[in-house]
Amino acid sequence: MFINTDELLNMPIIGARSRYPLGVAALQRVGFLESDQQRETRIKQETEALFERISNPSERSAEDQLYKLKYGHYPEQ
């Protein structure tokens, strides 16, 4: 079986799983793609880190913090 990894990796995981279920399973089994449990753990850690960054008090306002999360930098003063 041949797997077009370029096409598969450029798709959202839901689309890849529905279009190439055996390919996704094979790539997860050999460790080329993260497993469902690994993905859930990564997303949970990223979410907790995001909440931690937002909840830490700083001299910036909440609006400035949200702006930075969205655009990657603080608004011009």
PDB file of N, CA and C in Angstrom:
ATOM      1  N   MET A   1       0.846  -1.177   0.000  1.00  0.00           N
ATOM      2  CA  MET A   1       0.000   0.000   0.000  1.00  0.00           C
ATOM      3  C   MET A   1       0.891   1.239   0.000  1.00  0.00           C
ATOM      4  N   PHE A   2       0.559   2.210  -0.828  1.00  0.00           N
ATOM      5  CA  PHE A   2       1.274   3.469  -0.873  1.00  0.00           C
ATOM      6  C   PHE A   2       0.412   4.549  -0.243  1.00  0.00           C
ATOM      7  N   ILE A   3       1.050   5.416   0.527  1.00  0.00           N
ATOM      8  CA  ILE A   3       0.343   6.497   1.194  1.00  0.00           C
ATOM      9  C   ILE A   3       0.946   7.810   0.735  1.00  0.00           C
ATOM     10  N   ASN A   4       0.120   8.692   0.212  1.00  0.00           N
ATOM     11  CA  ASN A   4       0.583  10.013  -0.183  1.00  0.00           C
ATOM     12  C   ASN A   4       0.624  10.876   1.070  1.00  0.00           C
ATOM     13  N   THR A   5       1.773  10.891   1.750  1.00  0.00           N
ATOM     14  CA  THR A   5       1.871  11.608   3.020  1.00  0.00           C
ATOM     15  C   THR A   5       1.726  13.112   2.846  1.00  0.00           C
ATOM     16  N   ASP A   6       2.169  13.656   1.708  1.00  0.00           N
ATOM     17  CA  ASP A   6       2.016  15.096   1.496  1.00  0.00           C
ATOM     18  C   ASP A   6       0.544  15.492   1.512  1.00  0.00           C
ATOM     19  N   GLU A   7      -0.268  14.747   0.791  1.00  0.00           N
ATOM     20  CA  GLU A   7      -1.703  15.047   0.749  1.00  0.00           C
ATOM     21  C   GLU A   7      -2.345  14.818   2.109  1.00  0.00           C
ATOM     22  N   LEU A   8      -1.994  13.710   2.743  1.00  0.00           N
ATOM     23  CA  LEU A   8      -2.594  13.353   4.021  1.00  0.00           C
ATOM     24  C   LEU A   8      -2.232  14.365   5.109  1.00  0.00           C
ATOM     25  N   LEU A   9      -0.975  14.810   5.144  1.00  0.00           N
ATOM     26  CA  LEU A   9      -0.532  15.729   6.193  1.00  0.00           C
ATOM     27  C   LEU A   9      -1.032  17.153   5.983  1.00  0.00           C
ATOM     28  N   ASN A  10      -1.456  17.480   4.777  1.00  0.00           N
ATOM     29  CA  ASN A  10      -1.975  18.817   4.521  1.00  0.00           C
ATOM     30  C   ASN A  10      -3.480  18.913   4.712  1.00  0.00           C
ATOM     31  N   MET A  11      -4.070  17.835   5.227  1.00  0.00           N
ATOM     32  CA  MET A  11      -5.508  17.819   5.496  1.00  0.00           C
ATOM     33  C   MET A  11      -5.746  17.893   6.996  1.00  0.00           C
ATOM     34  N   PRO A  12      -6.890  18.436   7.421  1.00  0.00           N
ATOM     35  CA  PRO A  12      -7.259  18.308   8.833  1.00  0.00           C
ATOM     36  C   PRO A  12      -7.387  16.830   9.176  1.00  0.00           C
ATOM     37  N   ILE A  13      -7.086  16.478  10.406  1.00  0.00           N
ATOM     38  CA  ILE A  13      -7.070  15.067  10.800  1.00  0.00           C
ATOM     39  C   ILE A  13      -8.423  14.401  10.577  1.00  0.00           C
ATOM     40  N   ILE A  14      -9.510  15.136  10.749  1.00  0.00           N
ATOM     41  CA  ILE A  14     -10.844  14.558  10.535  1.00  0.00           C
ATOM     42  C   ILE A  14     -11.030  14.182   9.068  1.00  0.00           C
ATOM     43  N   GLY A  15     -10.613  15.064   8.170  1.00  0.00           N
ATOM     44  CA  GLY A  15     -10.718  14.766   6.745  1.00  0.00           C
ATOM     45  C   GLY A  15      -9.810  13.631   6.334  1.00  0.00           C
ATOM     46  N   ALA A  16      -8.592  13.620   6.866  1.00  0.00           N
ATOM     47  CA  ALA A  16      -7.650  12.552   6.540  1.00  0.00           C
ATOM     48  C   ALA A  16      -8.170  11.210   7.036  1.00  0.00           C
ATOM     49  N   ARG A  17      -8.725  11.207   8.241  1.00  0.00           N
ATOM     50  CA  ARG A  17      -9.230   9.950   8.802  1.00  0.00           C
ATOM     51  C   ARG A  17     -10.424   9.430   8.003  1.00  0.00           C
ATOM     52  N   SER A  18     -11.285  10.330   7.514  1.00  0.00           N
ATOM     53  CA  SER A  18     -12.442   9.857   6.754  1.00  0.00           C
ATOM     54  C   SER A  18     -12.053   9.435   5.337  1.00  0.00           C
ATOM     55  N   ARG A  19     -11.052  10.091   4.756  1.00  0.00           N
ATOM     56  CA  ARG A  19     -10.663   9.764   3.388  1.00  0.00           C
ATOM     57  C   ARG A  19      -9.641   8.630   3.321  1.00  0.00           C
ATOM     58  N   TYR A  20      -8.731   8.591   4.283  1.00  0.00           N
ATOM     59  CA  TYR A  20      -7.660   7.591   4.302  1.00  0.00           C
ATOM     60  C   TYR A  20      -7.580   6.905   5.669  1.00  0.00           C
ATOM     61  N   PRO A  21      -8.612   6.194   6.091  1.00  0.00           N
ATOM     62  CA  PRO A  21      -8.603   5.622   7.446  1.00  0.00           C
ATOM     63  C   PRO A  21      -7.460   4.633   7.680  1.00  0.00           C
ATOM     64  N   LEU A  22      -7.173   3.806   6.703  1.00  0.00           N
ATOM     65  CA  LEU A  22      -6.086   2.833   6.875  1.00  0.00           C
ATOM     66  C   LEU A  22      -4.721   3.520   6.872  1.00  0.00           C
ATOM     67  N   GLY A  23      -4.569   4.520   6.038  1.00  0.00           N
ATOM     68  CA  GLY A  23      -3.306   5.266   5.985  1.00  0.00           C
ATOM     69  C   GLY A  23      -3.024   5.988   7.285  1.00  0.00           C
ATOM     70  N   VAL A  24      -4.039   6.643   7.843  1.00  0.00           N
ATOM     71  CA  VAL A  24      -3.879   7.346   9.114  1.00  0.00           C
ATOM     72  C   VAL A  24      -3.528   6.357  10.217  1.00  0.00           C
ATOM     73  N   ALA A  25      -4.234   5.230  10.252  1.00  0.00           N
ATOM     74  CA  ALA A  25      -3.967   4.221  11.278  1.00  0.00           C
ATOM     75  C   ALA A  25      -2.550   3.678  11.160  1.00  0.00           C
ATOM     76  N   ALA A  26      -2.102   3.431   9.934  1.00  0.00           N
ATOM     77  CA  ALA A  26      -0.752   2.914   9.733  1.00  0.00           C
ATOM     78  C   ALA A  26       0.295   3.935  10.168  1.00  0.00           C
ATOM     79  N   LEU A  27       0.101   5.195   9.811  1.00  0.00           N
ATOM     80  CA  LEU A  27       1.067   6.238  10.184  1.00  0.00           C
ATOM     81  C   LEU A  27       1.060   6.498  11.687  1.00  0.00           C
ATOM     82  N   GLN A  28      -0.097   6.372  12.328  1.00  0.00           N
ATOM     83  CA  GLN A  28      -0.142   6.507  13.787  1.00  0.00           C
ATOM     84  C   GLN A  28       0.559   5.325  14.449  1.00  0.00           C
ATOM     85  N   ARG A  29       0.386   4.137  13.901  1.00  0.00           N
ATOM     86  CA  ARG A  29       0.974   2.939  14.484  1.00  0.00           C
ATOM     87  C   ARG A  29       2.511   3.004  14.471  1.00  0.00           C
ATOM     88  N   VAL A  30       3.096   3.554  13.415  1.00  0.00           N
ATOM     89  CA  VAL A  30       4.561   3.634  13.335  1.00  0.00           C
ATOM     90  C   VAL A  30       5.105   4.920  13.954  1.00  0.00           C
ATOM     91  N   GLY A  31       4.222   5.797  14.421  1.00  0.00           N
ATOM     92  CA  GLY A  31       4.653   7.005  15.109  1.00  0.00           C
ATOM     93  C   GLY A  31       4.874   8.211  14.219  1.00  0.00           C
ATOM     94  N   PHE A  32       4.497   8.117  12.937  1.00  0.00           N
ATOM     95  CA  PHE A  32       4.656   9.253  12.027  1.00  0.00           C
ATOM     96  C   PHE A  32       3.621  10.335  12.316  1.00  0.00           C
ATOM     97  N   LEU A  33       2.426   9.914  12.722  1.00  0.00           N
ATOM     98  CA  LEU A  33       1.364  10.828  13.163  1.00  0.00           C
ATOM     99  C   LEU A  33       1.116  10.587  14.645  1.00  0.00           C
ATOM    100  N   GLU A  34       0.757  11.640  15.373  1.00  0.00           N
ATOM    101  CA  GLU A  34       0.444  11.441  16.786  1.00  0.00           C
ATOM    102  C   GLU A  34      -0.874  10.690  16.922  1.00  0.00           C
ATOM    103  N   SER A  35      -0.948   9.862  17.951  1.00  0.00           N
ATOM    104  CA  SER A  35      -2.162   9.088  18.203  1.00  0.00           C
ATOM    105  C   SER A  35      -3.246  10.012  18.750  1.00  0.00           C
ATOM    106  N   ASP A  36      -4.458   9.492  18.822  1.00  0.00           N
ATOM    107  CA  ASP A  36      -5.568  10.282  19.361  1.00  0.00           C
ATOM    108  C   ASP A  36      -5.270  10.707  20.798  1.00  0.00           C
ATOM    109  N   GLN A  37      -4.732   9.794  21.586  1.00  0.00           N
ATOM    110  CA  GLN A  37      -4.420  10.115  22.985  1.00  0.00           C
ATOM    111  C   GLN A  37      -3.312  11.163  23.075  1.00  0.00           C
ATOM    112  N   GLN A  38      -2.295  11.060  22.233  1.00  0.00           N
ATOM    113  CA  GLN A  38      -1.225  12.058  22.227  1.00  0.00           C
ATOM    114  C   GLN A  38      -1.762  13.428  21.820  1.00  0.00           C
ATOM    115  N   ARG A  39      -2.641  13.446  20.810  1.00  0.00           N
ATOM    116  CA  ARG A  39      -3.213  14.716  20.359  1.00  0.00           C
ATOM    117  C   ARG A  39      -4.068  15.342  21.455  1.00  0.00           C
ATOM    118  N   GLU A  40      -4.898  14.531  22.128  1.00  0.00           N
ATOM    119  CA  GLU A  40      -5.727  15.054  23.210  1.00  0.00           C
ATOM    120  C   GLU A  40      -4.868  15.604  24.348  1.00  0.00           C
ATOM    121  N   THR A  41      -3.796  14.902  24.692  1.00  0.00           N
ATOM    122  CA  THR A  41      -2.888  15.364  25.744  1.00  0.00           C
ATOM    123  C   THR A  41      -2.229  16.679  25.342  1.00  0.00           C
ATOM    124  N   ARG A  42      -1.757  16.781  24.078  1.00  0.00           N
ATOM    125  CA  ARG A  42      -1.109  18.007  23.601  1.00  0.00           C
ATOM    126  C   ARG A  42      -2.085  19.180  23.640  1.00  0.00           C
ATOM    127  N   ILE A  43      -3.307  18.967  23.165  1.00  0.00           N
ATOM    128  CA  ILE A  43      -4.297  20.047  23.139  1.00  0.00           C
ATOM    129  C   ILE A  43      -4.642  20.482  24.558  1.00  0.00           C
ATOM    130  N   LYS A  44      -4.767  19.522  25.465  1.00  0.00           N
ATOM    131  CA  LYS A  44      -5.067  19.859  26.861  1.00  0.00           C
ATOM    132  C   LYS A  44      -3.933  20.682  27.463  1.00  0.00           C
ATOM    133  N   GLN A  45      -2.685  20.302  27.216  1.00  0.00           N
ATOM    134  CA  GLN A  45      -1.544  21.049  27.747  1.00  0.00           C
ATOM    135  C   GLN A  45      -1.473  22.453  27.151  1.00  0.00           C
ATOM    136  N   GLU A  46      -1.719  22.570  25.841  1.00  0.00           N
ATOM    137  CA  GLU A  46      -1.705  23.887  25.207  1.00  0.00           C
ATOM    138  C   GLU A  46      -2.808  24.780  25.768  1.00  0.00           C
ATOM    139  N   THR A  47      -3.992  24.208  25.994  1.00  0.00           N
ATOM    140  CA  THR A  47      -5.109  24.966  26.539  1.00  0.00           C
ATOM    141  C   THR A  47      -4.813  25.424  27.957  1.00  0.00           C
ATOM    142  N   GLU A  48      -4.254  24.531  28.787  1.00  0.00           N
ATOM    143  CA  GLU A  48      -3.902  24.902  30.158  1.00  0.00           C
ATOM    144  C   GLU A  48      -2.840  25.997  30.167  1.00  0.00           C
ATOM    145  N   ALA A  49      -1.855  25.915  29.274  1.00  0.00           N
ATOM    146  CA  ALA A  49      -0.818  26.945  29.192  1.00  0.00           C
ATOM    147  C   ALA A  49      -1.421  28.283  28.765  1.00  0.00           C
ATOM    148  N   LEU A  50      -2.367  28.241  27.847  1.00  0.00           N
ATOM    149  CA  LEU A  50      -3.031  29.464  27.403  1.00  0.00           C
ATOM    150  C   LEU A  50      -3.811  30.102  28.549  1.00  0.00           C
ATOM    151  N   PHE A  51      -4.582  29.298  29.282  1.00  0.00           N
ATOM    152  CA  PHE A  51      -5.329  29.827  30.420  1.00  0.00           C
ATOM    153  C   PHE A  51      -4.383  30.377  31.487  1.00  0.00           C
ATOM    154  N   GLU A  52      -3.255  29.720  31.685  1.00  0.00           N
ATOM    155  CA  GLU A  52      -2.274  30.190  32.667  1.00  0.00           C
ATOM    156  C   GLU A  52      -1.720  31.551  32.250  1.00  0.00           C
ATOM    157  N   ARG A  53      -1.395  31.688  30.966  1.00  0.00           N
ATOM    158  CA  ARG A  53      -0.873  32.972  30.478  1.00  0.00           C
ATOM    159  C   ARG A  53      -1.906  34.074  30.628  1.00  0.00           C
ATOM    160  N   ILE A  54      -3.168  33.766  30.337  1.00  0.00           N
ATOM    161  CA  ILE A  54      -4.225  34.772  30.408  1.00  0.00           C
ATOM    162  C   ILE A  54      -4.514  35.150  31.857  1.00  0.00           C
ATOM    163  N   SER A  55      -4.489  34.166  32.757  1.00  0.00           N
ATOM    164  CA  SER A  55      -4.898  34.427  34.136  1.00  0.00           C
ATOM    165  C   SER A  55      -3.807  35.085  34.976  1.00  0.00           C
ATOM    166  N   ASN A  56      -2.554  35.078  34.515  1.00  0.00           N
ATOM    167  CA  ASN A  56      -1.496  35.734  35.284  1.00  0.00           C
ATOM    168  C   ASN A  56      -1.692  37.246  35.246  1.00  0.00           C
ATOM    169  N   PRO A  57      -1.675  37.872  36.433  1.00  0.00           N
ATOM    170  CA  PRO A  57      -1.841  39.333  36.450  1.00  0.00           C
ATOM    171  C   PRO A  57      -0.621  40.021  35.851  1.00  0.00           C
ATOM    172  N   SER A  58      -0.864  41.092  35.170  1.00  0.00           N
ATOM    173  CA  SER A  58       0.218  41.897  34.608  1.00  0.00           C
ATOM    174  C   SER A  58      -0.273  43.322  34.486  1.00  0.00           C
ATOM    175  N   GLU A  59       0.618  44.186  34.036  1.00  0.00           N
ATOM    176  CA  GLU A  59       0.199  45.580  33.895  1.00  0.00           C
ATOM    177  C   GLU A  59      -0.659  45.796  32.651  1.00  0.00           C
ATOM    178  N   ARG A  60      -0.714  44.837  31.771  1.00  0.00           N
ATOM    179  CA  ARG A  60      -1.539  44.955  30.572  1.00  0.00           C
ATOM    180  C   ARG A  60      -2.995  44.622  30.893  1.00  0.00           C
ATOM    181  N   SER A  61      -3.902  45.265  30.177  1.00  0.00           N
ATOM    182  CA  SER A  61      -5.326  44.993  30.384  1.00  0.00           C
ATOM    183  C   SER A  61      -5.708  43.671  29.731  1.00  0.00           C
ATOM    184  N   ALA A  62      -6.855  43.178  30.083  1.00  0.00           N
ATOM    185  CA  ALA A  62      -7.347  41.935  29.503  1.00  0.00           C
ATOM    186  C   ALA A  62      -7.531  42.079  27.994  1.00  0.00           C
ATOM    187  N   GLU A  63      -7.981  43.261  27.558  1.00  0.00           N
ATOM    188  CA  GLU A  63      -8.152  43.491  26.126  1.00  0.00           C
ATOM    189  C   GLU A  63      -6.819  43.420  25.405  1.00  0.00           C
ATOM    190  N   ASP A  64      -5.761  43.991  26.025  1.00  0.00           N
ATOM    191  CA  ASP A  64      -4.428  43.926  25.420  1.00  0.00           C
ATOM    192  C   ASP A  64      -3.922  42.490  25.363  1.00  0.00           C
ATOM    193  N   GLN A  65      -4.199  41.703  26.407  1.00  0.00           N
ATOM    194  CA  GLN A  65      -3.774  40.303  26.426  1.00  0.00           C
ATOM    195  C   GLN A  65      -4.456  39.528  25.297  1.00  0.00           C
ATOM    196  N   LEU A  66      -5.767  39.727  25.122  1.00  0.00           N
ATOM    197  CA  LEU A  66      -6.498  39.038  24.066  1.00  0.00           C
ATOM    198  C   LEU A  66      -6.018  39.475  22.686  1.00  0.00           C
ATOM    199  N   TYR A  67      -5.712  40.777  22.545  1.00  0.00           N
ATOM    200  CA  TYR A  67      -5.185  41.295  21.285  1.00  0.00           C
ATOM    201  C   TYR A  67      -3.877  40.596  20.948  1.00  0.00           C
ATOM    202  N   LYS A  68      -3.005  40.441  21.955  1.00  0.00           N
ATOM    203  CA  LYS A  68      -1.715  39.787  21.722  1.00  0.00           C
ATOM    204  C   LYS A  68      -1.908  38.330  21.331  1.00  0.00           C
ATOM    205  N   LEU A  69      -2.842  37.634  21.960  1.00  0.00           N
ATOM    206  CA  LEU A  69      -3.099  36.246  21.609  1.00  0.00           C
ATOM    207  C   LEU A  69      -3.576  36.124  20.161  1.00  0.00           C
ATOM    208  N   LYS A  70      -4.379  37.092  19.725  1.00  0.00           N
ATOM    209  CA  LYS A  70      -4.933  37.027  18.381  1.00  0.00           C
ATOM    210  C   LYS A  70      -3.915  37.449  17.316  1.00  0.00           C
ATOM    211  N   TYR A  71      -3.159  38.539  17.581  1.00  0.00           N
ATOM    212  CA  TYR A  71      -2.282  39.102  16.560  1.00  0.00           C
ATOM    213  C   TYR A  71      -0.789  38.858  16.808  1.00  0.00           C
ATOM    214  N   GLY A  72      -0.427  38.336  17.981  1.00  0.00           N
ATOM    215  CA  GLY A  72       0.976  38.024  18.243  1.00  0.00           C
ATOM    216  C   GLY A  72       1.780  39.174  18.810  1.00  0.00           C
ATOM    217  N   HIS A  73       1.154  40.330  18.997  1.00  0.00           N
ATOM    218  CA  HIS A  73       1.859  41.479  19.584  1.00  0.00           C
ATOM    219  C   HIS A  73       0.838  42.371  20.274  1.00  0.00           C
ATOM    220  N   TYR A  74       1.332  43.221  21.133  1.00  0.00           N
ATOM    221  CA  TYR A  74       0.435  44.146  21.838  1.00  0.00           C
ATOM    222  C   TYR A  74       0.040  45.286  20.896  1.00  0.00           C
ATOM    223  N   PRO A  75      -1.131  45.879  21.123  1.00  0.00           N
ATOM    224  CA  PRO A  75      -1.554  46.981  20.265  1.00  0.00           C
ATOM    225  C   PRO A  75      -0.636  48.183  20.434  1.00  0.00           C
ATOM    226  N   GLU A  76      -0.559  48.965  19.384  1.00  0.00           N
ATOM    227  CA  GLU A  76       0.256  50.202  19.426  1.00  0.00           C
ATOM    228  C   GLU A  76      -0.347  51.170  20.426  1.00  0.00           C
ATOM    229  N   GLN A  77       0.476  51.760  21.225  1.00  0.00           N
ATOM    230  CA  GLN A  77      -0.003  52.701  22.233  1.00  0.00           C
ATOM    231  C   GLN A  77       0.041  54.117  21.730  1.00  0.00           C
TER     232      GLN A  77
END
